[in-house]
Amino acid sequence: MDLQQPTASTSSITSQISPTSSSSNETKRPVVILSRRETFSASHRLHAPQLSEEANRELYGKCNNPNGHGHNYTIEVLLKGQVDAVTGMVMNLVELKQIMHKAILDPLDHKNLDKDVEWFRDRVSTTENLAIYCWQRLTDLLSPPGLLHEVRVHETENNVVIYRGE
């Protein structure tokens, strides 16, 4: 058996544990926040079709370049949950990495957000909207519901957007 790869996901292991098999402190298990970061590169153009060319240039400045521009984004996903009494984890990090690749990296890395990602065809590809996109994609794949606590998208070293699904 390969020790690097789990034989079952944490969520399936957790669902197999009966409440009677745990101690009376089961409901008092510690709650922790687990974080994983990944990076990807993407290009985009900040441009709102509802605004005039002049208004777009004034609002978005050099980020409205007709040929677009790119970023090396860092995405940080934070999960919040109880530490499982058997596995000692909120979620298996290998599983979280796979989900992040499927939900975020595969559809976004080395893509033009405006042209290659359907979700941005009718939305301005701001970092705020990128954080919302990532949240929606992750919630479709993560279980149990409510596990996803926060998504942080670092557009640059100085510009970070945080979204908590609100």
Protein backbone atom coordinates (compact mmCIF):
# COMPACT_ATOMS: atom_id res chain seq x y z
CA MET A 1 0.00 0.00 0.00
CA ASP A 2 1.33 3.45 -0.93
CA LEU A 3 1.53 5.47 2.27
CA GLN A 4 1.51 8.78 0.38
CA GLN A 5 -2.00 8.32 -0.98
CA PRO A 6 -4.99 7.92 1.34
CA THR A 7 -7.18 4.90 0.74
CA ALA A 8 -10.36 6.80 1.52
CA SER A 9 -11.30 10.41 1.77
CA THR A 10 -11.62 12.00 5.18
CA SER A 11 -15.27 12.74 4.51
CA SER A 12 -16.00 9.08 3.81
CA ILE A 13 -14.03 7.99 6.88
CA THR A 14 -15.89 10.49 9.04
CA SER A 15 -19.26 9.31 7.79
CA GLN A 16 -18.38 5.72 8.79
CA ILE A 17 -17.79 6.65 12.45
CA SER A 18 -20.90 6.18 14.54
CA PRO A 19 -21.66 8.70 17.28
CA THR A 20 -21.76 5.87 19.84
CA SER A 21 -18.17 4.85 19.05
CA SER A 22 -16.76 8.16 20.21
CA SER A 23 -16.33 9.61 23.64
CA SER A 24 -18.79 11.86 25.38
CA ASN A 25 -16.55 14.77 24.38
CA GLU A 26 -17.47 14.24 20.70
CA THR A 27 -19.46 17.49 20.54
CA LYS A 28 -16.61 19.35 22.21
CA ARG A 29 -13.99 18.50 19.58
CA PRO A 30 -11.68 21.43 18.85
CA VAL A 31 -12.49 23.61 15.87
CA VAL A 32 -9.55 24.69 13.72
CA ILE A 33 -9.01 26.64 10.54
CA LEU A 34 -7.02 24.81 7.87
CA SER A 35 -5.40 26.73 5.03
CA ARG A 36 -3.89 25.75 1.69
CA ARG A 37 -2.29 28.03 -0.92
CA GLU A 38 -1.81 27.53 -4.63
CA THR A 39 -0.61 29.86 -7.36
CA PHE A 40 -1.70 30.34 -10.94
CA SER A 41 -1.09 32.79 -13.76
CA ALA A 42 -3.88 34.41 -15.74
CA SER A 43 -4.51 37.44 -17.89
CA HIS A 44 -7.52 39.72 -18.09
CA ARG A 45 -8.73 43.19 -18.96
CA LEU A 46 -10.77 45.30 -16.57
CA HIS A 47 -13.54 46.58 -18.77
CA ALA A 48 -17.25 47.08 -18.06
CA PRO A 49 -19.23 46.91 -21.33
CA GLN A 50 -21.97 49.09 -19.80
CA LEU A 51 -19.49 51.99 -19.59
CA SER A 52 -18.03 54.04 -22.42
CA GLU A 53 -14.44 53.50 -23.56
CA GLU A 54 -13.51 56.78 -21.89
CA ALA A 55 -15.24 55.87 -18.62
CA ASN A 56 -13.49 52.47 -18.61
CA ARG A 57 -10.08 54.09 -19.17
CA GLU A 58 -10.76 56.59 -16.40
CA LEU A 59 -12.03 53.96 -13.95
CA TYR A 60 -9.56 51.13 -14.58
CA GLY A 61 -6.51 53.03 -15.86
CA LYS A 62 -3.71 50.83 -17.20
CA CYS A 63 -5.70 47.73 -16.23
CA ASN A 64 -8.07 48.61 -19.10
CA ASN A 65 -5.32 48.01 -21.67
CA PRO A 66 -7.13 46.63 -24.77
CA ASN A 67 -4.54 43.82 -24.96
CA GLY A 68 -5.00 42.95 -21.30
CA HIS A 69 -2.41 42.27 -18.64
CA GLY A 70 -1.54 39.37 -16.35
CA HIS A 71 -0.99 38.39 -12.75
CA ASN A 72 0.61 35.59 -10.81
CA TYR A 73 -2.28 35.03 -8.43
CA THR A 74 -2.06 33.24 -5.10
CA ILE A 75 -5.27 31.63 -3.92
CA GLU A 76 -5.64 30.71 -0.27
CA VAL A 77 -8.51 28.48 0.80
CA LEU A 78 -9.44 28.30 4.47
CA LEU A 79 -11.62 25.52 5.85
CA LYS A 80 -13.14 25.61 9.32
CA GLY A 81 -14.28 22.53 11.13
CA GLN A 82 -13.95 20.15 14.01
CA VAL A 83 -10.88 17.96 14.21
CA ASP A 84 -12.02 14.40 13.54
CA ALA A 85 -11.51 12.20 16.60
CA VAL A 86 -10.17 9.30 14.52
CA THR A 87 -8.16 10.93 11.70
CA GLY A 88 -7.03 14.03 13.60
CA MET A 89 -7.89 16.15 10.54
CA VAL A 90 -10.50 18.62 9.41
CA MET A 91 -9.83 17.43 5.86
CA ASN A 92 -7.11 15.46 4.17
CA LEU A 93 -4.77 18.00 2.54
CA VAL A 94 -4.21 15.70 -0.44
CA GLU A 95 -7.95 15.77 -1.11
CA LEU A 96 -8.09 19.56 -0.68
CA LYS A 97 -5.24 19.98 -3.16
CA GLN A 98 -7.10 17.84 -5.71
CA ILE A 99 -10.29 19.84 -5.24
CA MET A 100 -8.44 23.16 -5.60
CA HIS A 101 -6.87 21.96 -8.84
CA LYS A 102 -10.20 20.83 -10.26
CA ALA A 103 -12.17 23.90 -9.12
CA ILE A 104 -9.61 26.67 -9.65
CA LEU A 105 -6.27 25.82 -11.22
CA ASP A 106 -7.45 23.67 -14.12
CA PRO A 107 -10.00 26.21 -15.40
CA LEU A 108 -7.92 29.37 -14.67
CA ASP A 109 -4.18 28.72 -14.92
CA HIS A 110 -2.58 30.26 -18.01
CA LYS A 111 -5.96 31.43 -19.28
CA ASN A 112 -7.40 34.74 -20.35
CA LEU A 113 -10.19 35.11 -17.80
CA ASP A 114 -12.36 37.21 -20.09
CA LYS A 115 -12.08 34.97 -23.15
CA ASP A 116 -11.45 31.46 -21.79
CA VAL A 117 -13.69 31.32 -18.72
CA GLU A 118 -17.41 31.39 -19.47
CA TRP A 119 -18.28 32.75 -15.99
CA PHE A 120 -16.46 36.02 -16.80
CA ARG A 121 -18.13 36.60 -20.16
CA ASP A 122 -20.75 38.81 -18.49
CA ARG A 123 -18.76 39.96 -15.43
CA VAL A 124 -15.78 42.26 -15.06
CA SER A 125 -12.79 40.08 -14.15
CA THR A 126 -11.91 41.99 -10.98
CA THR A 127 -10.22 40.19 -8.12
CA GLU A 128 -13.47 40.56 -6.17
CA ASN A 129 -15.34 38.60 -8.85
CA LEU A 130 -12.48 36.10 -9.07
CA ALA A 131 -12.82 35.39 -5.33
CA ILE A 132 -16.58 34.85 -5.76
CA TYR A 133 -15.94 32.50 -8.70
CA CYS A 134 -13.46 30.46 -6.66
CA TRP A 135 -15.86 30.28 -3.70
CA GLN A 136 -18.71 29.04 -5.90
CA ARG A 137 -16.56 26.42 -7.60
CA LEU A 138 -15.19 25.16 -4.27
CA THR A 139 -18.57 24.94 -2.55
CA ASP A 140 -19.76 22.69 -5.37
CA LEU A 141 -16.98 20.20 -4.55
CA LEU A 142 -16.40 20.46 -0.79
CA SER A 143 -18.37 18.60 1.81
CA PRO A 144 -19.84 18.86 4.28
CA PRO A 145 -21.61 22.14 3.51
CA GLY A 146 -20.22 24.97 5.61
CA LEU A 147 -16.67 23.58 5.60
CA LEU A 148 -15.41 26.42 3.38
CA HIS A 149 -14.66 29.38 5.64
CA GLU A 150 -12.82 31.88 3.46
CA VAL A 151 -11.19 32.41 0.08
CA ARG A 152 -8.30 34.86 -0.26
CA VAL A 153 -7.09 35.91 -3.68
CA HIS A 154 -3.75 37.71 -3.75
CA GLU A 155 -3.62 39.64 -7.01
CA THR A 156 -0.31 41.25 -6.08
CA GLU A 157 1.81 41.37 -2.97
CA ASN A 158 -0.22 44.39 -1.85
CA ASN A 159 -3.72 43.64 -3.19
CA VAL A 160 -5.75 40.88 -1.54
CA VAL A 161 -9.48 40.15 -1.72
CA ILE A 162 -11.15 38.08 1.00
CA TYR A 163 -14.55 36.45 0.46
CA ARG A 164 -16.60 34.47 2.97
CA GLY A 165 -19.64 33.66 0.88
CA GLU A 166 -21.69 36.62 2.07
